[in-house]
Amino acid sequence: GRQKGHTELYRGAEYVVDFLPKVKVEVV
């Protein structure tokens, strides 16, 4: 959403994480 992902460092290389892990809870 407004976070728009973030950058991470892995083995010296920087990469962008566009989609962040979330959990969707559905209840009726």
mmCIF file of all heavy atoms, coordinates in Angstrom:
data_MODEL
# 
_entry.id   MODEL 
# 
loop_
_atom_site.group_PDB 
_atom_site.id 
_atom_site.type_symbol 
_atom_site.label_atom_id 
_atom_site.label_alt_id 
_atom_site.label_comp_id 
_atom_site.label_asym_id 
_atom_site.label_entity_id 
_atom_site.label_seq_id 
_atom_site.pdbx_PDB_ins_code 
_atom_site.Cartn_x 
_atom_site.Cartn_y 
_atom_site.Cartn_z 
_atom_site.occupancy 
_atom_site.B_iso_or_equiv 
_atom_site.pdbx_formal_charge 
_atom_site.auth_seq_id 
_atom_site.auth_comp_id 
_atom_site.auth_asym_id 
_atom_site.auth_atom_id 
_atom_site.pdbx_PDB_model_num 
ATOM 1   N N   . GLY A 1 1  ? 0.863   -1.173  0.000  1.00 0.00 ? 1  GLY A N   1 
ATOM 2   C CA  . GLY A 1 1  ? 0.000   0.000   0.000  1.00 0.00 ? 1  GLY A CA  1 
ATOM 3   C C   . GLY A 1 1  ? 0.892   1.212   0.000  1.00 0.00 ? 1  GLY A C   1 
ATOM 4   O O   . GLY A 1 1  ? 1.745   1.369   -0.865 1.00 0.00 ? 1  GLY A O   1 
ATOM 5   N N   . ARG A 1 2  ? 0.765   2.006   1.038  1.00 0.00 ? 2  ARG A N   1 
ATOM 6   C CA  . ARG A 1 2  ? 1.604   3.200   1.142  1.00 0.00 ? 2  ARG A CA  1 
ATOM 7   C C   . ARG A 1 2  ? 3.060   2.854   1.394  1.00 0.00 ? 2  ARG A C   1 
ATOM 8   O O   . ARG A 1 2  ? 3.944   3.648   1.121  1.00 0.00 ? 2  ARG A O   1 
ATOM 9   C CB  . ARG A 1 2  ? 1.092   4.099   2.254  1.00 0.00 ? 2  ARG A CB  1 
ATOM 10  C CG  . ARG A 1 2  ? -0.229  4.728   1.908  1.00 0.00 ? 2  ARG A CG  1 
ATOM 11  C CD  . ARG A 1 2  ? -0.679  5.685   2.968  1.00 0.00 ? 2  ARG A CD  1 
ATOM 12  N NE  . ARG A 1 2  ? -1.949  6.272   2.584  1.00 0.00 ? 2  ARG A NE  1 
ATOM 13  C CZ  . ARG A 1 2  ? -2.712  6.927   3.417  1.00 0.00 ? 2  ARG A CZ  1 
ATOM 14  N NH1 . ARG A 1 2  ? -2.358  7.080   4.672  1.00 0.00 ? 2  ARG A NH1 1 
ATOM 15  N NH2 . ARG A 1 2  ? -3.845  7.436   3.011  1.00 0.00 ? 2  ARG A NH2 1 
ATOM 16  N N   . GLN A 1 3  ? 3.319   1.655   1.914  1.00 0.00 ? 3  GLN A N   1 
ATOM 17  C CA  . GLN A 1 3  ? 4.703   1.240   2.174  1.00 0.00 ? 3  GLN A CA  1 
ATOM 18  C C   . GLN A 1 3  ? 5.511   1.176   0.898  1.00 0.00 ? 3  GLN A C   1 
ATOM 19  O O   . GLN A 1 3  ? 6.688   1.440   0.877  1.00 0.00 ? 3  GLN A O   1 
ATOM 20  C CB  . GLN A 1 3  ? 4.727   -0.150  2.823  1.00 0.00 ? 3  GLN A CB  1 
ATOM 21  C CG  . GLN A 1 3  ? 4.417   -0.154  4.290  1.00 0.00 ? 3  GLN A CG  1 
ATOM 22  C CD  . GLN A 1 3  ? 4.419   -1.572  4.802  1.00 0.00 ? 3  GLN A CD  1 
ATOM 23  O OE1 . GLN A 1 3  ? 3.521   -2.340  4.495  1.00 0.00 ? 3  GLN A OE1 1 
ATOM 24  N NE2 . GLN A 1 3  ? 5.422   -1.916  5.564  1.00 0.00 ? 3  GLN A NE2 1 
ATOM 25  N N   . LYS A 1 4  ? 4.890   0.736   -0.169 1.00 0.00 ? 4  LYS A N   1 
ATOM 26  C CA  . LYS A 1 4  ? 5.529   0.583   -1.475 1.00 0.00 ? 4  LYS A CA  1 
ATOM 27  C C   . LYS A 1 4  ? 6.792   -0.280  -1.425 1.00 0.00 ? 4  LYS A C   1 
ATOM 28  O O   . LYS A 1 4  ? 7.743   -0.062  -2.143 1.00 0.00 ? 4  LYS A O   1 
ATOM 29  C CB  . LYS A 1 4  ? 5.854   1.943   -2.069 1.00 0.00 ? 4  LYS A CB  1 
ATOM 30  C CG  . LYS A 1 4  ? 4.656   2.847   -2.217 1.00 0.00 ? 4  LYS A CG  1 
ATOM 31  C CD  . LYS A 1 4  ? 4.654   3.531   -3.514 1.00 0.00 ? 4  LYS A CD  1 
ATOM 32  C CE  . LYS A 1 4  ? 3.533   4.482   -3.768 1.00 0.00 ? 4  LYS A CE  1 
ATOM 33  N NZ  . LYS A 1 4  ? 2.489   4.677   -2.848 1.00 0.00 ? 4  LYS A NZ  1 
ATOM 34  N N   . GLY A 1 5  ? 6.801   -1.286  -0.563 1.00 0.00 ? 5  GLY A N   1 
ATOM 35  C CA  . GLY A 1 5  ? 7.933   -2.186  -0.489 1.00 0.00 ? 5  GLY A CA  1 
ATOM 36  C C   . GLY A 1 5  ? 9.128   -1.559  0.205  1.00 0.00 ? 5  GLY A C   1 
ATOM 37  O O   . GLY A 1 5  ? 9.040   -0.500  0.795  1.00 0.00 ? 5  GLY A O   1 
ATOM 38  N N   . HIS A 1 6  ? 10.254  -2.244  0.121  1.00 0.00 ? 6  HIS A N   1 
ATOM 39  C CA  . HIS A 1 6  ? 11.479  -1.740  0.721  1.00 0.00 ? 6  HIS A CA  1 
ATOM 40  C C   . HIS A 1 6  ? 12.667  -2.432  0.068  1.00 0.00 ? 6  HIS A C   1 
ATOM 41  O O   . HIS A 1 6  ? 12.512  -3.365  -0.700 1.00 0.00 ? 6  HIS A O   1 
ATOM 42  C CB  . HIS A 1 6  ? 11.479  -1.982  2.235  1.00 0.00 ? 6  HIS A CB  1 
ATOM 43  C CG  . HIS A 1 6  ? 11.452  -3.424  2.617  1.00 0.00 ? 6  HIS A CG  1 
ATOM 44  N ND1 . HIS A 1 6  ? 10.294  -4.161  2.662  1.00 0.00 ? 6  HIS A ND1 1 
ATOM 45  C CD2 . HIS A 1 6  ? 12.449  -4.269  2.960  1.00 0.00 ? 6  HIS A CD2 1 
ATOM 46  C CE1 . HIS A 1 6  ? 10.583  -5.412  3.019  1.00 0.00 ? 6  HIS A CE1 1 
ATOM 47  N NE2 . HIS A 1 6  ? 11.867  -5.505  3.205  1.00 0.00 ? 6  HIS A NE2 1 
ATOM 48  N N   . THR A 1 7  ? 13.874  -1.953  0.347  1.00 0.00 ? 7  THR A N   1 
ATOM 49  C CA  . THR A 1 7  ? 15.076  -2.576  -0.206 1.00 0.00 ? 7  THR A CA  1 
ATOM 50  C C   . THR A 1 7  ? 15.734  -3.435  0.868  1.00 0.00 ? 7  THR A C   1 
ATOM 51  O O   . THR A 1 7  ? 15.666  -3.137  2.056  1.00 0.00 ? 7  THR A O   1 
ATOM 52  C CB  . THR A 1 7  ? 16.083  -1.523  -0.705 1.00 0.00 ? 7  THR A CB  1 
ATOM 53  O OG1 . THR A 1 7  ? 16.428  -0.680  0.384  1.00 0.00 ? 7  THR A OG1 1 
ATOM 54  C CG2 . THR A 1 7  ? 15.499  -0.696  -1.822 1.00 0.00 ? 7  THR A CG2 1 
ATOM 55  N N   . GLU A 1 8  ? 16.337  -4.525  0.428  1.00 0.00 ? 8  GLU A N   1 
ATOM 56  C CA  . GLU A 1 8  ? 17.061  -5.419  1.331  1.00 0.00 ? 8  GLU A CA  1 
ATOM 57  C C   . GLU A 1 8  ? 18.437  -5.706  0.746  1.00 0.00 ? 8  GLU A C   1 
ATOM 58  O O   . GLU A 1 8  ? 18.668  -5.555  -0.449 1.00 0.00 ? 8  GLU A O   1 
ATOM 59  C CB  . GLU A 1 8  ? 16.289  -6.725  1.525  1.00 0.00 ? 8  GLU A CB  1 
ATOM 60  C CG  . GLU A 1 8  ? 15.044  -6.572  2.368  1.00 0.00 ? 8  GLU A CG  1 
ATOM 61  C CD  . GLU A 1 8  ? 14.409  -7.894  2.727  1.00 0.00 ? 8  GLU A CD  1 
ATOM 62  O OE1 . GLU A 1 8  ? 14.983  -8.957  2.419  1.00 0.00 ? 8  GLU A OE1 1 
ATOM 63  O OE2 . GLU A 1 8  ? 13.328  -7.857  3.329  1.00 0.00 ? 8  GLU A OE2 1 
ATOM 64  N N   . LEU A 1 9  ? 19.334  -6.123  1.603  1.00 0.00 ? 9  LEU A N   1 
ATOM 65  C CA  . LEU A 1 9  ? 20.682  -6.466  1.199  1.00 0.00 ? 9  LEU A CA  1 
ATOM 66  C C   . LEU A 1 9  ? 20.871  -7.963  1.352  1.00 0.00 ? 9  LEU A C   1 
ATOM 67  O O   . LEU A 1 9  ? 20.593  -8.523  2.413  1.00 0.00 ? 9  LEU A O   1 
ATOM 68  C CB  . LEU A 1 9  ? 21.683  -5.715  2.102  1.00 0.00 ? 9  LEU A CB  1 
ATOM 69  C CG  . LEU A 1 9  ? 23.076  -5.500  1.556  1.00 0.00 ? 9  LEU A CG  1 
ATOM 70  C CD1 . LEU A 1 9  ? 23.030  -4.677  0.282  1.00 0.00 ? 9  LEU A CD1 1 
ATOM 71  C CD2 . LEU A 1 9  ? 23.919  -4.793  2.603  1.00 0.00 ? 9  LEU A CD2 1 
ATOM 72  N N   . TYR A 1 10 ? 21.289  -8.649  0.278  1.00 0.00 ? 10 TYR A N   1 
ATOM 73  C CA  . TYR A 1 10 ? 21.519  -10.084 0.334  1.00 0.00 ? 10 TYR A CA  1 
ATOM 74  C C   . TYR A 1 10 ? 22.861  -10.387 -0.323 1.00 0.00 ? 10 TYR A C   1 
ATOM 75  O O   . TYR A 1 10 ? 23.055  -10.115 -1.506 1.00 0.00 ? 10 TYR A O   1 
ATOM 76  C CB  . TYR A 1 10 ? 20.394  -10.840 -0.370 1.00 0.00 ? 10 TYR A CB  1 
ATOM 77  C CG  . TYR A 1 10 ? 20.587  -12.337 -0.371 1.00 0.00 ? 10 TYR A CG  1 
ATOM 78  C CD1 . TYR A 1 10 ? 20.422  -13.071 0.802  1.00 0.00 ? 10 TYR A CD1 1 
ATOM 79  C CD2 . TYR A 1 10 ? 20.946  -13.007 -1.529 1.00 0.00 ? 10 TYR A CD2 1 
ATOM 80  C CE1 . TYR A 1 10 ? 20.600  -14.436 0.812  1.00 0.00 ? 10 TYR A CE1 1 
ATOM 81  C CE2 . TYR A 1 10 ? 21.129  -14.383 -1.529 1.00 0.00 ? 10 TYR A CE2 1 
ATOM 82  C CZ  . TYR A 1 10 ? 20.955  -15.085 -0.353 1.00 0.00 ? 10 TYR A CZ  1 
ATOM 83  O OH  . TYR A 1 10 ? 21.133  -16.459 -0.335 1.00 0.00 ? 10 TYR A OH  1 
ATOM 84  N N   . ARG A 1 11 ? 23.794  -10.892 0.451  1.00 0.00 ? 11 ARG A N   1 
ATOM 85  C CA  . ARG A 1 11 ? 25.139  -11.213 -0.050 1.00 0.00 ? 11 ARG A CA  1 
ATOM 86  C C   . ARG A 1 11 ? 25.769  -10.039 -0.785 1.00 0.00 ? 11 ARG A C   1 
ATOM 87  O O   . ARG A 1 11 ? 26.346  -10.184 -1.863 1.00 0.00 ? 11 ARG A O   1 
ATOM 88  C CB  . ARG A 1 11 ? 25.110  -12.456 -0.933 1.00 0.00 ? 11 ARG A CB  1 
ATOM 89  C CG  . ARG A 1 11 ? 24.744  -13.696 -0.172 1.00 0.00 ? 11 ARG A CG  1 
ATOM 90  C CD  . ARG A 1 11 ? 24.948  -14.934 -0.983 1.00 0.00 ? 11 ARG A CD  1 
ATOM 91  N NE  . ARG A 1 11 ? 24.654  -16.097 -0.174 1.00 0.00 ? 11 ARG A NE  1 
ATOM 92  C CZ  . ARG A 1 11 ? 24.758  -17.331 -0.591 1.00 0.00 ? 11 ARG A CZ  1 
ATOM 93  N NH1 . ARG A 1 11 ? 25.157  -17.581 -1.828 1.00 0.00 ? 11 ARG A NH1 1 
ATOM 94  N NH2 . ARG A 1 11 ? 24.483  -18.343 0.195  1.00 0.00 ? 11 ARG A NH2 1 
ATOM 95  N N   . GLY A 1 12 ? 25.597  -8.866  -0.234 1.00 0.00 ? 12 GLY A N   1 
ATOM 96  C CA  . GLY A 1 12 ? 26.231  -7.679  -0.799 1.00 0.00 ? 12 GLY A CA  1 
ATOM 97  C C   . GLY A 1 12 ? 25.462  -7.020  -1.915 1.00 0.00 ? 12 GLY A C   1 
ATOM 98  O O   . GLY A 1 12 ? 25.829  -5.943  -2.361 1.00 0.00 ? 12 GLY A O   1 
ATOM 99  N N   . ALA A 1 13 ? 24.392  -7.656  -2.379 1.00 0.00 ? 13 ALA A N   1 
ATOM 100 C CA  . ALA A 1 13 ? 23.615  -7.066  -3.464 1.00 0.00 ? 13 ALA A CA  1 
ATOM 101 C C   . ALA A 1 13 ? 22.310  -6.506  -2.905 1.00 0.00 ? 13 ALA A C   1 
ATOM 102 O O   . ALA A 1 13 ? 21.638  -7.151  -2.118 1.00 0.00 ? 13 ALA A O   1 
ATOM 103 C CB  . ALA A 1 13 ? 23.316  -8.116  -4.536 1.00 0.00 ? 13 ALA A CB  1 
ATOM 104 N N   . GLU A 1 14 ? 21.987  -5.317  -3.327 1.00 0.00 ? 14 GLU A N   1 
ATOM 105 C CA  . GLU A 1 14 ? 20.752  -4.688  -2.868 1.00 0.00 ? 14 GLU A CA  1 
ATOM 106 C C   . GLU A 1 14 ? 19.641  -5.008  -3.861 1.00 0.00 ? 14 GLU A C   1 
ATOM 107 O O   . GLU A 1 14 ? 19.835  -4.969  -5.068 1.00 0.00 ? 14 GLU A O   1 
ATOM 108 C CB  . GLU A 1 14 ? 20.958  -3.174  -2.789 1.00 0.00 ? 14 GLU A CB  1 
ATOM 109 C CG  . GLU A 1 14 ? 19.823  -2.453  -2.089 1.00 0.00 ? 14 GLU A CG  1 
ATOM 110 C CD  . GLU A 1 14 ? 20.121  -0.983  -1.903 1.00 0.00 ? 14 GLU A CD  1 
ATOM 111 O OE1 . GLU A 1 14 ? 20.850  -0.637  -0.958 1.00 0.00 ? 14 GLU A OE1 1 
ATOM 112 O OE2 . GLU A 1 14 ? 19.617  -0.197  -2.725 1.00 0.00 ? 14 GLU A OE2 1 
ATOM 113 N N   . TYR A 1 15 ? 18.485  -5.367  -3.342 1.00 0.00 ? 15 TYR A N   1 
ATOM 114 C CA  . TYR A 1 15 ? 17.347  -5.611  -4.227 1.00 0.00 ? 15 TYR A CA  1 
ATOM 115 C C   . TYR A 1 15 ? 16.079  -5.077  -3.578 1.00 0.00 ? 15 TYR A C   1 
ATOM 116 O O   . TYR A 1 15 ? 15.994  -4.890  -2.379 1.00 0.00 ? 15 TYR A O   1 
ATOM 117 C CB  . TYR A 1 15 ? 17.217  -7.097  -4.566 1.00 0.00 ? 15 TYR A CB  1 
ATOM 118 C CG  . TYR A 1 15 ? 16.902  -7.987  -3.398 1.00 0.00 ? 15 TYR A CG  1 
ATOM 119 C CD1 . TYR A 1 15 ? 15.605  -8.418  -3.164 1.00 0.00 ? 15 TYR A CD1 1 
ATOM 120 C CD2 . TYR A 1 15 ? 17.898  -8.408  -2.518 1.00 0.00 ? 15 TYR A CD2 1 
ATOM 121 C CE1 . TYR A 1 15 ? 15.314  -9.238  -2.081 1.00 0.00 ? 15 TYR A CE1 1 
ATOM 122 C CE2 . TYR A 1 15 ? 17.619  -9.223  -1.440 1.00 0.00 ? 15 TYR A CE2 1 
ATOM 123 C CZ  . TYR A 1 15 ? 16.312  -9.640  -1.238 1.00 0.00 ? 15 TYR A CZ  1 
ATOM 124 O OH  . TYR A 1 15 ? 16.034  -10.448 -0.165 1.00 0.00 ? 15 TYR A OH  1 
ATOM 125 N N   . VAL A 1 16 ? 15.076  -4.823  -4.415 1.00 0.00 ? 16 VAL A N   1 
ATOM 126 C CA  . VAL A 1 16 ? 13.822  -4.219  -3.960 1.00 0.00 ? 16 VAL A CA  1 
ATOM 127 C C   . VAL A 1 16 ? 12.794  -5.317  -3.721 1.00 0.00 ? 16 VAL A C   1 
ATOM 128 O O   . VAL A 1 16 ? 12.597  -6.192  -4.569 1.00 0.00 ? 16 VAL A O   1 
ATOM 129 C CB  . VAL A 1 16 ? 13.291  -3.216  -5.008 1.00 0.00 ? 16 VAL A CB  1 
ATOM 130 C CG1 . VAL A 1 16 ? 11.944  -2.650  -4.586 1.00 0.00 ? 16 VAL A CG1 1 
ATOM 131 C CG2 . VAL A 1 16 ? 14.293  -2.103  -5.219 1.00 0.00 ? 16 VAL A CG2 1 
ATOM 132 N N   . VAL A 1 17 ? 12.164  -5.273  -2.570 1.00 0.00 ? 17 VAL A N   1 
ATOM 133 C CA  . VAL A 1 17 ? 11.061  -6.174  -2.269 1.00 0.00 ? 17 VAL A CA  1 
ATOM 134 C C   . VAL A 1 17 ? 9.787   -5.361  -2.482 1.00 0.00 ? 17 VAL A C   1 
ATOM 135 O O   . VAL A 1 17 ? 9.434   -4.513  -1.657 1.00 0.00 ? 17 VAL A O   1 
ATOM 136 C CB  . VAL A 1 17 ? 11.134  -6.685  -0.814 1.00 0.00 ? 17 VAL A CB  1 
ATOM 137 C CG1 . VAL A 1 17 ? 9.956   -7.581  -0.503 1.00 0.00 ? 17 VAL A CG1 1 
ATOM 138 C CG2 . VAL A 1 17 ? 12.450  -7.403  -0.573 1.00 0.00 ? 17 VAL A CG2 1 
ATOM 139 N N   . ASP A 1 18 ? 9.125   -5.582  -3.633 1.00 0.00 ? 18 ASP A N   1 
ATOM 140 C CA  . ASP A 1 18 ? 7.932   -4.802  -3.979 1.00 0.00 ? 18 ASP A CA  1 
ATOM 141 C C   . ASP A 1 18 ? 6.715   -5.237  -3.169 1.00 0.00 ? 18 ASP A C   1 
ATOM 142 O O   . ASP A 1 18 ? 5.925   -4.419  -2.740 1.00 0.00 ? 18 ASP A O   1 
ATOM 143 C CB  . ASP A 1 18 ? 7.608   -4.944  -5.466 1.00 0.00 ? 18 ASP A CB  1 
ATOM 144 C CG  . ASP A 1 18 ? 8.625   -4.229  -6.338 1.00 0.00 ? 18 ASP A CG  1 
ATOM 145 O OD1 . ASP A 1 18 ? 9.145   -3.201  -5.892 1.00 0.00 ? 18 ASP A OD1 1 
ATOM 146 O OD2 . ASP A 1 18 ? 8.887   -4.702  -7.449 1.00 0.00 ? 18 ASP A OD2 1 
ATOM 147 N N   . PHE A 1 19 ? 6.545   -6.542  -3.010 1.00 0.00 ? 19 PHE A N   1 
ATOM 148 C CA  . PHE A 1 19 ? 5.371   -7.064  -2.330 1.00 0.00 ? 19 PHE A CA  1 
ATOM 149 C C   . PHE A 1 19 ? 5.775   -7.589  -0.961 1.00 0.00 ? 19 PHE A C   1 
ATOM 150 O O   . PHE A 1 19 ? 6.649   -8.436  -0.844 1.00 0.00 ? 19 PHE A O   1 
ATOM 151 C CB  . PHE A 1 19 ? 4.729   -8.175  -3.160 1.00 0.00 ? 19 PHE A CB  1 
ATOM 152 C CG  . PHE A 1 19 ? 4.170   -7.671  -4.459 1.00 0.00 ? 19 PHE A CG  1 
ATOM 153 C CD1 . PHE A 1 19 ? 4.886   -7.801  -5.629 1.00 0.00 ? 19 PHE A CD1 1 
ATOM 154 C CD2 . PHE A 1 19 ? 2.929   -7.056  -4.503 1.00 0.00 ? 19 PHE A CD2 1 
ATOM 155 C CE1 . PHE A 1 19 ? 4.381   -7.329  -6.831 1.00 0.00 ? 19 PHE A CE1 1 
ATOM 156 C CE2 . PHE A 1 19 ? 2.414   -6.574  -5.691 1.00 0.00 ? 19 PHE A CE2 1 
ATOM 157 C CZ  . PHE A 1 19 ? 3.137   -6.713  -6.857 1.00 0.00 ? 19 PHE A CZ  1 
ATOM 158 N N   . LEU A 1 20 ? 5.107   -7.081  0.061  1.00 0.00 ? 20 LEU A N   1 
ATOM 159 C CA  . LEU A 1 20 ? 5.425   -7.463  1.423  1.00 0.00 ? 20 LEU A CA  1 
ATOM 160 C C   . LEU A 1 20 ? 4.501   -8.589  1.884  1.00 0.00 ? 20 LEU A C   1 
ATOM 161 O O   . LEU A 1 20 ? 3.325   -8.618  1.519  1.00 0.00 ? 20 LEU A O   1 
ATOM 162 C CB  . LEU A 1 20 ? 5.274   -6.258  2.349  1.00 0.00 ? 20 LEU A CB  1 
ATOM 163 C CG  . LEU A 1 20 ? 6.164   -5.074  1.968  1.00 0.00 ? 20 LEU A CG  1 
ATOM 164 C CD1 . LEU A 1 20 ? 5.774   -3.849  2.775  1.00 0.00 ? 20 LEU A CD1 1 
ATOM 165 C CD2 . LEU A 1 20 ? 7.621   -5.414  2.204  1.00 0.00 ? 20 LEU A CD2 1 
ATOM 166 N N   . PRO A 1 21 ? 5.009   -9.519  2.685  1.00 0.00 ? 21 PRO A N   1 
ATOM 167 C CA  . PRO A 1 21 ? 4.166   -10.618 3.149  1.00 0.00 ? 21 PRO A CA  1 
ATOM 168 C C   . PRO A 1 21 ? 3.105   -10.116 4.122  1.00 0.00 ? 21 PRO A C   1 
ATOM 169 O O   . PRO A 1 21 ? 3.394   -9.322  5.021  1.00 0.00 ? 21 PRO A O   1 
ATOM 170 C CB  . PRO A 1 21 ? 5.158   -11.562 3.839  1.00 0.00 ? 21 PRO A CB  1 
ATOM 171 C CG  . PRO A 1 21 ? 6.339   -10.723 4.173  1.00 0.00 ? 21 PRO A CG  1 
ATOM 172 C CD  . PRO A 1 21 ? 6.384   -9.619  3.162  1.00 0.00 ? 21 PRO A CD  1 
ATOM 173 N N   . LYS A 1 22 ? 1.880   -10.576 3.914  1.00 0.00 ? 22 LYS A N   1 
ATOM 174 C CA  . LYS A 1 22 ? 0.745   -10.245 4.779  1.00 0.00 ? 22 LYS A CA  1 
ATOM 175 C C   . LYS A 1 22 ? -0.072  -11.520 4.976  1.00 0.00 ? 22 LYS A C   1 
ATOM 176 O O   . LYS A 1 22 ? 0.174   -12.530 4.341  1.00 0.00 ? 22 LYS A O   1 
ATOM 177 C CB  . LYS A 1 22 ? -0.150  -9.169  4.142  1.00 0.00 ? 22 LYS A CB  1 
ATOM 178 C CG  . LYS A 1 22 ? 0.544   -7.865  3.815  1.00 0.00 ? 22 LYS A CG  1 
ATOM 179 C CD  . LYS A 1 22 ? 0.822   -7.043  5.043  1.00 0.00 ? 22 LYS A CD  1 
ATOM 180 C CE  . LYS A 1 22 ? 1.454   -5.715  4.646  1.00 0.00 ? 22 LYS A CE  1 
ATOM 181 N NZ  . LYS A 1 22 ? 1.784   -4.903  5.787  1.00 0.00 ? 22 LYS A NZ  1 
ATOM 182 N N   . VAL A 1 23 ? -1.052  -11.430 5.850  1.00 0.00 ? 23 VAL A N   1 
ATOM 183 C CA  . VAL A 1 23 ? -1.975  -12.532 6.075  1.00 0.00 ? 23 VAL A CA  1 
ATOM 184 C C   . VAL A 1 23 ? -3.382  -11.976 5.911  1.00 0.00 ? 23 VAL A C   1 
ATOM 185 O O   . VAL A 1 23 ? -3.707  -10.918 6.445  1.00 0.00 ? 23 VAL A O   1 
ATOM 186 C CB  . VAL A 1 23 ? -1.812  -13.127 7.491  1.00 0.00 ? 23 VAL A CB  1 
ATOM 187 C CG1 . VAL A 1 23 ? -2.865  -14.170 7.762  1.00 0.00 ? 23 VAL A CG1 1 
ATOM 188 C CG2 . VAL A 1 23 ? -0.429  -13.723 7.659  1.00 0.00 ? 23 VAL A CG2 1 
ATOM 189 N N   . LYS A 1 24 ? -4.214  -12.685 5.136  1.00 0.00 ? 24 LYS A N   1 
ATOM 190 C CA  . LYS A 1 24 ? -5.610  -12.264 4.988  1.00 0.00 ? 24 LYS A CA  1 
ATOM 191 C C   . LYS A 1 24 ? -6.481  -13.188 5.828  1.00 0.00 ? 24 LYS A C   1 
ATOM 192 O O   . LYS A 1 24 ? -6.461  -14.411 5.653  1.00 0.00 ? 24 LYS A O   1 
ATOM 193 C CB  . LYS A 1 24 ? -6.049  -12.306 3.530  1.00 0.00 ? 24 LYS A CB  1 
ATOM 194 C CG  . LYS A 1 24 ? -7.503  -11.858 3.348  1.00 0.00 ? 24 LYS A CG  1 
ATOM 195 C CD  . LYS A 1 24 ? -7.845  -11.535 1.911  1.00 0.00 ? 24 LYS A CD  1 
ATOM 196 C CE  . LYS A 1 24 ? -7.955  -12.756 1.070  1.00 0.00 ? 24 LYS A CE  1 
ATOM 197 N NZ  . LYS A 1 24 ? -8.538  -12.491 -0.257 1.00 0.00 ? 24 LYS A NZ  1 
ATOM 198 N N   . VAL A 1 25 ? -7.227  -12.594 6.749  1.00 0.00 ? 25 VAL A N   1 
ATOM 199 C CA  . VAL A 1 25 ? -8.148  -13.333 7.611  1.00 0.00 ? 25 VAL A CA  1 
ATOM 200 C C   . VAL A 1 25 ? -9.557  -13.037 7.108  1.00 0.00 ? 25 VAL A C   1 
ATOM 201 O O   . VAL A 1 25 ? -9.944  -11.875 6.974  1.00 0.00 ? 25 VAL A O   1 
ATOM 202 C CB  . VAL A 1 25 ? -8.006  -12.878 9.081  1.00 0.00 ? 25 VAL A CB  1 
ATOM 203 C CG1 . VAL A 1 25 ? -9.008  -13.605 9.960  1.00 0.00 ? 25 VAL A CG1 1 
ATOM 204 C CG2 . VAL A 1 25 ? -6.586  -13.093 9.570  1.00 0.00 ? 25 VAL A CG2 1 
ATOM 205 N N   . GLU A 1 26 ? -10.320 -14.098 6.808  1.00 0.00 ? 26 GLU A N   1 
ATOM 206 C CA  . GLU A 1 26 ? -11.683 -13.934 6.340  1.00 0.00 ? 26 GLU A CA  1 
ATOM 207 C C   . GLU A 1 26 ? -12.632 -14.583 7.329  1.00 0.00 ? 26 GLU A C   1 
ATOM 208 O O   . GLU A 1 26 ? -12.411 -15.715 7.760  1.00 0.00 ? 26 GLU A O   1 
ATOM 209 C CB  . GLU A 1 26 ? -11.870 -14.590 4.970  1.00 0.00 ? 26 GLU A CB  1 
ATOM 210 C CG  . GLU A 1 26 ? -11.003 -13.983 3.885  1.00 0.00 ? 26 GLU A CG  1 
ATOM 211 C CD  . GLU A 1 26 ? -11.089 -14.760 2.588  1.00 0.00 ? 26 GLU A CD  1 
ATOM 212 O OE1 . GLU A 1 26 ? -12.003 -14.479 1.794  1.00 0.00 ? 26 GLU A OE1 1 
ATOM 213 O OE2 . GLU A 1 26 ? -10.261 -15.668 2.401  1.00 0.00 ? 26 GLU A OE2 1 
ATOM 214 N N   . VAL A 1 27 ? -13.702 -13.864 7.670  1.00 0.00 ? 27 VAL A N   1 
ATOM 215 C CA  . VAL A 1 27 ? -14.677 -14.379 8.614  1.00 0.00 ? 27 VAL A CA  1 
ATOM 216 C C   . VAL A 1 27 ? -16.056 -13.854 8.221  1.00 0.00 ? 27 VAL A C   1 
ATOM 217 O O   . VAL A 1 27 ? -16.181 -12.716 7.775  1.00 0.00 ? 27 VAL A O   1 
ATOM 218 C CB  . VAL A 1 27 ? -14.299 -13.998 10.065 1.00 0.00 ? 27 VAL A CB  1 
ATOM 219 C CG1 . VAL A 1 27 ? -14.257 -12.515 10.253 1.00 0.00 ? 27 VAL A CG1 1 
ATOM 220 C CG2 . VAL A 1 27 ? -15.208 -14.635 11.068 1.00 0.00 ? 27 VAL A CG2 1 
ATOM 221 N N   . VAL A 1 28 ? -17.069 -14.704 8.350  1.00 0.00 ? 28 VAL A N   1 
ATOM 222 C CA  . VAL A 1 28 ? -18.447 -14.295 8.098  1.00 0.00 ? 28 VAL A CA  1 
ATOM 223 C C   . VAL A 1 28 ? -19.162 -14.267 9.437  1.00 0.00 ? 28 VAL A C   1 
ATOM 224 O O   . VAL A 1 28 ? -19.123 -15.238 10.191 1.00 0.00 ? 28 VAL A O   1 
ATOM 225 C CB  . VAL A 1 28 ? -19.153 -15.255 7.112  1.00 0.00 ? 28 VAL A CB  1 
ATOM 226 C CG1 . VAL A 1 28 ? -20.616 -14.872 6.948  1.00 0.00 ? 28 VAL A CG1 1 
ATOM 227 C CG2 . VAL A 1 28 ? -18.443 -15.244 5.769  1.00 0.00 ? 28 VAL A CG2 1 
# 
